[in-house]
């Protein structure tokens, strides 16, 4: 499948290509042997336990990384949109298999890159590729830190504490009391490993108490001190 038009322009906003010009990306892509793929909502892009030799970059739409237990219960590991990577942490772990299932959360397009092409200098031994490798190391480290935050949510027992910790962390990441999250209510419940109805009720209570406000995926923190107090009560 040929590369879609304007691929270099799209990738310019991807952290993997930070600091590389569009001309540099264009010259680098042939050495990376990219494989674009269109997908439909619900399509499996990577099956847990199956061989993995690529990482993915979302060009359009969203993909969801999830785990399922023996009871068929779903736990969302992450939701990734345009310009974001998936599969890179597992690839660098060197096991060669997908640890989780990757599912299309919407229609869209992904660019798969062979891991071996990212982990070593390209055919021209260019400076662009060295920058690419440094960027990838930063991305993997950042994902590890996010996973630590995620584990801290799952350790909390109370619904209110989980929500407060999640929303407070989003506030810190965006430096704004109003922000969007890239998950709907069902996905957020799966991400926090809680019941969706119970989570919705707790969000409603926090709204009634003037702690937060929300509309769909947009949240506003009305009382930062109250939210911080709930969050800190976990310690």
C-alpha atoms as a PDB file:
ATOM      1  CA  UNK A   1       0.000   0.000   0.000  1.00  0.00           C
ATOM      2  CA  UNK A   2       1.505   3.385  -0.998  1.00  0.00           C
ATOM      3  CA  UNK A   3       2.140   6.050   1.589  1.00  0.00           C
ATOM      4  CA  UNK A   4      -0.801   8.443   1.986  1.00  0.00           C
ATOM      5  CA  UNK A   5      -0.392  11.984   0.748  1.00  0.00           C
ATOM      6  CA  UNK A   6       1.018  14.496   3.238  1.00  0.00           C
ATOM      7  CA  UNK A   7       2.498  11.740   5.422  1.00  0.00           C
ATOM      8  CA  UNK A   8       5.612  13.781   6.256  1.00  0.00           C
ATOM      9  CA  UNK A   9       3.441  16.744   7.262  1.00  0.00           C
ATOM     10  CA  UNK A  10       1.392  14.544   9.595  1.00  0.00           C
ATOM     11  CA  UNK A  11       4.478  12.971  11.131  1.00  0.00           C
ATOM     12  CA  UNK A  12       6.024  16.377  11.830  1.00  0.00           C
ATOM     13  CA  UNK A  13       3.727  16.614  14.884  1.00  0.00           C
ATOM     14  CA  UNK A  14       4.647  13.124  16.104  1.00  0.00           C
ATOM     15  CA  UNK A  15       7.068  13.089  19.089  1.00  0.00           C
ATOM     16  CA  UNK A  16       9.131  10.415  17.357  1.00  0.00           C
ATOM     17  CA  UNK A  17      10.098  12.936  14.670  1.00  0.00           C
ATOM     18  CA  UNK A  18      10.559  15.946  16.967  1.00  0.00           C
ATOM     19  CA  UNK A  19      13.376  18.189  15.763  1.00  0.00           C
ATOM     20  CA  UNK A  20      13.356  16.714  12.245  1.00  0.00           C
ATOM     21  CA  UNK A  21      12.162  18.844   9.339  1.00  0.00           C
ATOM     22  CA  UNK A  22       9.526  17.643   6.894  1.00  0.00           C
ATOM     23  CA  UNK A  23      12.273  17.336   4.280  1.00  0.00           C
ATOM     24  CA  UNK A  24      14.265  15.222   6.733  1.00  0.00           C
ATOM     25  CA  UNK A  25      11.263  13.002   7.438  1.00  0.00           C
ATOM     26  CA  UNK A  26      10.694  12.557   3.711  1.00  0.00           C
ATOM     27  CA  UNK A  27      14.299  11.466   3.189  1.00  0.00           C
ATOM     28  CA  UNK A  28      14.210   9.199   6.250  1.00  0.00           C
ATOM     29  CA  UNK A  29      10.969   7.328   5.534  1.00  0.00           C
ATOM     30  CA  UNK A  30      12.287   5.002   2.776  1.00  0.00           C
ATOM     31  CA  UNK A  31      14.923   3.624   5.173  1.00  0.00           C
ATOM     32  CA  UNK A  32      12.221   2.929   7.781  1.00  0.00           C
ATOM     33  CA  UNK A  33      10.163   0.760   5.390  1.00  0.00           C
ATOM     34  CA  UNK A  34       6.811   2.169   6.562  1.00  0.00           C
ATOM     35  CA  UNK A  35       3.636   0.165   6.034  1.00  0.00           C
ATOM     36  CA  UNK A  36       0.437   2.272   6.111  1.00  0.00           C
ATOM     37  CA  UNK A  37      -2.826   0.551   6.919  1.00  0.00           C
ATOM     38  CA  UNK A  38      -6.387   1.809   7.011  1.00  0.00           C
ATOM     39  CA  UNK A  39      -8.656   0.365   9.692  1.00  0.00           C
ATOM     40  CA  UNK A  40     -12.299   0.237  10.673  1.00  0.00           C
ATOM     41  CA  UNK A  41     -13.710   0.597  14.167  1.00  0.00           C
ATOM     42  CA  UNK A  42     -13.433  -2.675  16.074  1.00  0.00           C
ATOM     43  CA  UNK A  43     -10.667  -4.088  13.878  1.00  0.00           C
ATOM     44  CA  UNK A  44      -7.807  -5.904  15.633  1.00  0.00           C
ATOM     45  CA  UNK A  45      -4.459  -4.307  14.829  1.00  0.00           C
ATOM     46  CA  UNK A  46      -2.394  -6.429  17.198  1.00  0.00           C
ATOM     47  CA  UNK A  47      -3.489  -9.570  19.052  1.00  0.00           C
ATOM     48  CA  UNK A  48      -2.132 -10.335  22.518  1.00  0.00           C
ATOM     49  CA  UNK A  49       0.269 -13.272  22.287  1.00  0.00           C
ATOM     50  CA  UNK A  50       0.878 -12.950  18.550  1.00  0.00           C
ATOM     51  CA  UNK A  51       4.298 -12.022  17.077  1.00  0.00           C
ATOM     52  CA  UNK A  52       5.217  -8.338  17.113  1.00  0.00           C
ATOM     53  CA  UNK A  53       7.968  -6.853  14.973  1.00  0.00           C
ATOM     54  CA  UNK A  54       6.534  -3.348  14.432  1.00  0.00           C
ATOM     55  CA  UNK A  55       5.462  -0.253  16.297  1.00  0.00           C
ATOM     56  CA  UNK A  56       2.485   1.819  15.204  1.00  0.00           C
ATOM     57  CA  UNK A  57       1.929   5.537  14.682  1.00  0.00           C
ATOM     58  CA  UNK A  58      -1.687   6.681  14.516  1.00  0.00           C
ATOM     59  CA  UNK A  59      -2.208   8.940  11.497  1.00  0.00           C
ATOM     60  CA  UNK A  60      -5.976   9.320  11.860  1.00  0.00           C
ATOM     61  CA  UNK A  61      -8.576   8.072  14.338  1.00  0.00           C
ATOM     62  CA  UNK A  62      -7.939   6.298  17.632  1.00  0.00           C
ATOM     63  CA  UNK A  63      -6.626   2.918  18.716  1.00  0.00           C
ATOM     64  CA  UNK A  64      -7.171   1.292  22.082  1.00  0.00           C
ATOM     65  CA  UNK A  65      -4.732  -1.012  23.873  1.00  0.00           C
ATOM     66  CA  UNK A  66      -6.547  -3.387  26.206  1.00  0.00           C
ATOM     67  CA  UNK A  67      -6.208  -6.475  28.363  1.00  0.00           C
ATOM     68  CA  UNK A  68      -8.861  -9.115  28.959  1.00  0.00           C
ATOM     69  CA  UNK A  69      -9.013 -11.567  31.838  1.00  0.00           C
ATOM     70  CA  UNK A  70     -10.389 -15.088  31.747  1.00  0.00           C
ATOM     71  CA  UNK A  71     -13.855 -13.769  32.569  1.00  0.00           C
ATOM     72  CA  UNK A  72     -13.781 -11.563  29.475  1.00  0.00           C
ATOM     73  CA  UNK A  73     -13.545  -8.349  31.501  1.00  0.00           C
ATOM     74  CA  UNK A  74     -11.731  -5.564  29.707  1.00  0.00           C
ATOM     75  CA  UNK A  75      -9.080  -3.273  31.163  1.00  0.00           C
ATOM     76  CA  UNK A  76      -7.980  -0.390  28.976  1.00  0.00           C
ATOM     77  CA  UNK A  77      -4.237   0.161  29.071  1.00  0.00           C
ATOM     78  CA  UNK A  78      -4.265   3.230  26.839  1.00  0.00           C
ATOM     79  CA  UNK A  79      -6.107   5.134  24.133  1.00  0.00           C
ATOM     80  CA  UNK A  80      -3.999   6.745  21.411  1.00  0.00           C
ATOM     81  CA  UNK A  81      -4.889   9.352  18.808  1.00  0.00           C
ATOM     82  CA  UNK A  82      -3.300  11.098  15.847  1.00  0.00           C
ATOM     83  CA  UNK A  83       0.482  11.404  16.116  1.00  0.00           C
ATOM     84  CA  UNK A  84       0.774   9.009  19.067  1.00  0.00           C
ATOM     85  CA  UNK A  85       2.703   5.734  19.169  1.00  0.00           C
ATOM     86  CA  UNK A  86       1.693   2.309  20.421  1.00  0.00           C
ATOM     87  CA  UNK A  87       3.641  -0.909  20.838  1.00  0.00           C
ATOM     88  CA  UNK A  88       7.017   0.782  21.329  1.00  0.00           C
ATOM     89  CA  UNK A  89       7.474  -0.224  24.986  1.00  0.00           C
ATOM     90  CA  UNK A  90       6.755  -3.877  24.212  1.00  0.00           C
ATOM     91  CA  UNK A  91       9.044  -3.750  21.181  1.00  0.00           C
ATOM     92  CA  UNK A  92      11.947  -2.420  23.244  1.00  0.00           C
ATOM     93  CA  UNK A  93      11.305  -5.070  25.886  1.00  0.00           C
ATOM     94  CA  UNK A  94      12.543  -7.538  23.281  1.00  0.00           C
ATOM     95  CA  UNK A  95       9.951 -10.287  23.787  1.00  0.00           C
ATOM     96  CA  UNK A  96       8.719 -10.160  20.208  1.00  0.00           C
ATOM     97  CA  UNK A  97       5.025 -10.604  21.046  1.00  0.00           C
ATOM     98  CA  UNK A  98       2.120  -8.237  21.599  1.00  0.00           C
ATOM     99  CA  UNK A  99       1.507  -8.195  25.391  1.00  0.00           C
ATOM    100  CA  UNK A 100      -1.930  -6.627  24.928  1.00  0.00           C
ATOM    101  CA  UNK A 101      -4.546  -6.457  22.203  1.00  0.00           C
ATOM    102  CA  UNK A 102      -4.701  -3.347  20.023  1.00  0.00           C
ATOM    103  CA  UNK A 103      -8.201  -2.524  18.768  1.00  0.00           C
ATOM    104  CA  UNK A 104      -9.367   0.288  16.496  1.00  0.00           C
ATOM    105  CA  UNK A 105     -11.571   2.614  18.569  1.00  0.00           C
ATOM    106  CA  UNK A 106     -12.702   4.413  15.398  1.00  0.00           C
ATOM    107  CA  UNK A 107     -12.100   4.358  11.665  1.00  0.00           C
ATOM    108  CA  UNK A 108      -8.670   5.666  10.782  1.00  0.00           C
ATOM    109  CA  UNK A 109      -5.199   4.946   9.530  1.00  0.00           C
ATOM    110  CA  UNK A 110      -1.974   3.761  11.121  1.00  0.00           C
ATOM    111  CA  UNK A 111       1.634   3.685   9.954  1.00  0.00           C
ATOM    112  CA  UNK A 112       3.528   0.567  11.014  1.00  0.00           C
ATOM    113  CA  UNK A 113       7.319   0.781  11.246  1.00  0.00           C
ATOM    114  CA  UNK A 114       9.543  -2.315  11.626  1.00  0.00           C
ATOM    115  CA  UNK A 115      11.193  -2.235  15.026  1.00  0.00           C
ATOM    116  CA  UNK A 116      14.566  -3.319  13.651  1.00  0.00           C
ATOM    117  CA  UNK A 117      14.591  -0.270  11.385  1.00  0.00           C
ATOM    118  CA  UNK A 118      14.137   2.020  14.382  1.00  0.00           C
ATOM    119  CA  UNK A 119      16.647   0.365  16.678  1.00  0.00           C
ATOM    120  CA  UNK A 120      19.689   0.717  14.446  1.00  0.00           C
ATOM    121  CA  UNK A 121      21.248   3.294  12.147  1.00  0.00           C
ATOM    122  CA  UNK A 122      19.648   3.563   8.742  1.00  0.00           C
ATOM    123  CA  UNK A 123      21.178   2.715   5.383  1.00  0.00           C
ATOM    124  CA  UNK A 124      22.701   6.207   5.147  1.00  0.00           C
ATOM    125  CA  UNK A 125      23.840   6.413   8.799  1.00  0.00           C
ATOM    126  CA  UNK A 126      22.270   9.885   8.834  1.00  0.00           C
ATOM    127  CA  UNK A 127      21.935  12.347  11.691  1.00  0.00           C
ATOM    128  CA  UNK A 128      18.160  12.169  11.310  1.00  0.00           C
ATOM    129  CA  UNK A 129      18.124   8.551  12.378  1.00  0.00           C
ATOM    130  CA  UNK A 130      20.279   9.246  15.425  1.00  0.00           C
ATOM    131  CA  UNK A 131      17.781  11.923  16.429  1.00  0.00           C
ATOM    132  CA  UNK A 132      14.976   9.425  15.864  1.00  0.00           C
ATOM    133  CA  UNK A 133      16.589   6.912  18.223  1.00  0.00           C
ATOM    134  CA  UNK A 134      17.073   9.576  20.921  1.00  0.00           C
ATOM    135  CA  UNK A 135      13.429  10.631  20.553  1.00  0.00           C
ATOM    136  CA  UNK A 136      12.297   7.035  20.900  1.00  0.00           C
ATOM    137  CA  UNK A 137      14.235   6.562  24.127  1.00  0.00           C
ATOM    138  CA  UNK A 138      12.522   9.655  25.550  1.00  0.00           C
ATOM    139  CA  UNK A 139       9.102   8.362  24.501  1.00  0.00           C
ATOM    140  CA  UNK A 140       9.678   4.956  26.089  1.00  0.00           C
ATOM    141  CA  UNK A 141      10.830   6.603  29.330  1.00  0.00           C
ATOM    142  CA  UNK A 142       7.761   8.847  29.326  1.00  0.00           C
ATOM    143  CA  UNK A 143       5.457   5.880  28.809  1.00  0.00           C
ATOM    144  CA  UNK A 144       7.082   4.117  31.756  1.00  0.00           C
ATOM    145  CA  UNK A 145       6.333   7.122  33.957  1.00  0.00           C
ATOM    146  CA  UNK A 146       2.716   7.193  32.766  1.00  0.00           C
ATOM    147  CA  UNK A 147       2.386   3.510  33.582  1.00  0.00           C
ATOM    148  CA  UNK A 148       3.546   4.207  37.120  1.00  0.00           C
ATOM    149  CA  UNK A 149       0.791   6.823  37.421  1.00  0.00           C
ATOM    150  CA  UNK A 150      -1.721   4.335  36.067  1.00  0.00           C
ATOM    151  CA  UNK A 151      -0.712   1.747  38.658  1.00  0.00           C
ATOM    152  CA  UNK A 152      -1.195   4.330  41.390  1.00  0.00           C
ATOM    153  CA  UNK A 153      -4.839   4.761  40.281  1.00  0.00           C
ATOM    154  CA  UNK A 154      -5.456   1.018  40.318  1.00  0.00           C
ATOM    155  CA  UNK A 155      -4.065   0.691  43.847  1.00  0.00           C
ATOM    156  CA  UNK A 156      -6.669   3.090  45.206  1.00  0.00           C
ATOM    157  CA  UNK A 157      -9.782   1.482  46.643  1.00  0.00           C
ATOM    158  CA  UNK A 158     -12.210   4.383  46.673  1.00  0.00           C
ATOM    159  CA  UNK A 159     -13.989   5.535  43.525  1.00  0.00           C
ATOM    160  CA  UNK A 160     -13.732   9.194  44.538  1.00  0.00           C
ATOM    161  CA  UNK A 161     -10.005   8.913  45.218  1.00  0.00           C
ATOM    162  CA  UNK A 162      -9.373   7.295  41.818  1.00  0.00           C
ATOM    163  CA  UNK A 163     -11.305  10.005  40.000  1.00  0.00           C
ATOM    164  CA  UNK A 164      -9.645  12.798  41.976  1.00  0.00           C
ATOM    165  CA  UNK A 165      -6.170  11.392  41.317  1.00  0.00           C
ATOM    166  CA  UNK A 166      -6.892  10.993  37.603  1.00  0.00           C
ATOM    167  CA  UNK A 167      -8.378  14.480  37.166  1.00  0.00           C
ATOM    168  CA  UNK A 168      -5.696  16.156  39.260  1.00  0.00           C
ATOM    169  CA  UNK A 169      -2.966  14.520  37.189  1.00  0.00           C
ATOM    170  CA  UNK A 170      -4.654  15.745  33.997  1.00  0.00           C
ATOM    171  CA  UNK A 171      -4.705  19.247  35.471  1.00  0.00           C
ATOM    172  CA  UNK A 172      -0.976  19.046  36.180  1.00  0.00           C
ATOM    173  CA  UNK A 173      -0.208  17.682  32.715  1.00  0.00           C
ATOM    174  CA  UNK A 174      -2.170  20.395  30.902  1.00  0.00           C
ATOM    175  CA  UNK A 175      -1.522  23.268  33.367  1.00  0.00           C
ATOM    176  CA  UNK A 176      -5.178  24.169  32.919  1.00  0.00           C
ATOM    177  CA  UNK A 177      -8.283  23.709  35.059  1.00  0.00           C
ATOM    178  CA  UNK A 178     -10.259  22.979  31.890  1.00  0.00           C
ATOM    179  CA  UNK A 179      -9.125  20.087  29.719  1.00  0.00           C
ATOM    180  CA  UNK A 180     -10.297  17.295  27.452  1.00  0.00           C
ATOM    181  CA  UNK A 181      -9.740  13.606  28.027  1.00  0.00           C
ATOM    182  CA  UNK A 182      -9.477  11.248  25.068  1.00  0.00           C
ATOM    183  CA  UNK A 183     -11.893   8.672  26.504  1.00  0.00           C
ATOM    184  CA  UNK A 184     -15.643   8.326  26.744  1.00  0.00           C
ATOM    185  CA  UNK A 185     -17.264   7.247  30.012  1.00  0.00           C
ATOM    186  CA  UNK A 186     -17.077   3.541  29.242  1.00  0.00           C
ATOM    187  CA  UNK A 187     -13.400   3.760  28.314  1.00  0.00           C
ATOM    188  CA  UNK A 188     -12.598   5.852  31.398  1.00  0.00           C
ATOM    189  CA  UNK A 189     -14.307   3.298  33.650  1.00  0.00           C
ATOM    190  CA  UNK A 190     -12.297   0.506  32.045  1.00  0.00           C
ATOM    191  CA  UNK A 191      -9.118   2.560  32.349  1.00  0.00           C
ATOM    192  CA  UNK A 192      -9.682   3.059  36.094  1.00  0.00           C
ATOM    193  CA  UNK A 193     -10.986  -0.503  36.477  1.00  0.00           C
ATOM    194  CA  UNK A 194     -14.299   0.608  38.007  1.00  0.00           C
ATOM    195  CA  UNK A 195     -18.015   0.215  37.340  1.00  0.00           C
ATOM    196  CA  UNK A 196     -19.285   2.748  34.812  1.00  0.00           C
ATOM    197  CA  UNK A 197     -22.626   3.406  36.601  1.00  0.00           C
ATOM    198  CA  UNK A 198     -20.863   3.880  39.946  1.00  0.00           C
ATOM    199  CA  UNK A 199     -18.292   6.155  38.354  1.00  0.00           C
ATOM    200  CA  UNK A 200     -21.011   8.264  36.700  1.00  0.00           C
ATOM    201  CA  UNK A 201     -22.815   8.631  40.024  1.00  0.00           C
ATOM    202  CA  UNK A 202     -19.613   9.732  41.759  1.00  0.00           C
ATOM    203  CA  UNK A 203     -18.845  12.240  39.021  1.00  0.00           C
ATOM    204  CA  UNK A 204     -22.364  13.610  39.469  1.00  0.00           C
ATOM    205  CA  UNK A 205     -21.843  13.973  43.220  1.00  0.00           C
ATOM    206  CA  UNK A 206     -18.540  15.766  42.703  1.00  0.00           C
ATOM    207  CA  UNK A 207     -20.274  18.105  40.268  1.00  0.00           C
ATOM    208  CA  UNK A 208     -23.138  18.794  42.703  1.00  0.00           C
ATOM    209  CA  UNK A 209     -20.587  19.615  45.407  1.00  0.00           C
ATOM    210  CA  UNK A 210     -18.942  22.190  43.142  1.00  0.00           C
ATOM    211  CA  UNK A 211     -15.651  20.319  42.915  1.00  0.00           C
ATOM    212  CA  UNK A 212     -15.758  19.731  39.157  1.00  0.00           C
ATOM    213  CA  UNK A 213     -17.906  20.414  36.139  1.00  0.00           C
ATOM    214  CA  UNK A 214     -18.025  18.424  32.933  1.00  0.00           C
ATOM    215  CA  UNK A 215     -19.692  18.049  29.573  1.00  0.00           C
ATOM    216  CA  UNK A 216     -18.927  14.888  27.645  1.00  0.00           C
ATOM    217  CA  UNK A 217     -15.115  14.667  27.477  1.00  0.00           C
ATOM    218  CA  UNK A 218     -14.500  18.201  28.736  1.00  0.00           C
ATOM    219  CA  UNK A 219     -13.772  18.666  32.445  1.00  0.00           C
ATOM    220  CA  UNK A 220     -13.338  21.806  34.523  1.00  0.00           C
ATOM    221  CA  UNK A 221     -11.951  21.820  38.048  1.00  0.00           C
ATOM    222  CA  UNK A 222     -14.024  24.250  40.130  1.00  0.00           C
ATOM    223  CA  UNK A 223     -12.428  23.631  43.518  1.00  0.00           C
ATOM    224  CA  UNK A 224      -8.797  22.649  43.130  1.00  0.00           C
ATOM    225  CA  UNK A 225      -8.131  22.478  46.876  1.00  0.00           C
ATOM    226  CA  UNK A 226     -11.036  20.088  47.427  1.00  0.00           C
ATOM    227  CA  UNK A 227      -9.845  17.880  44.581  1.00  0.00           C
ATOM    228  CA  UNK A 228      -6.292  17.896  45.904  1.00  0.00           C
ATOM    229  CA  UNK A 229      -7.553  17.034  49.385  1.00  0.00           C
ATOM    230  CA  UNK A 230      -9.454  14.002  48.053  1.00  0.00           C
ATOM    231  CA  UNK A 231      -6.431  12.943  46.049  1.00  0.00           C
ATOM    232  CA  UNK A 232      -4.082  13.284  49.016  1.00  0.00           C
ATOM    233  CA  UNK A 233      -6.393  11.279  51.272  1.00  0.00           C
ATOM    234  CA  UNK A 234      -5.085   8.147  49.552  1.00  0.00           C
ATOM    235  CA  UNK A 235      -1.759   8.491  51.365  1.00  0.00           C
END
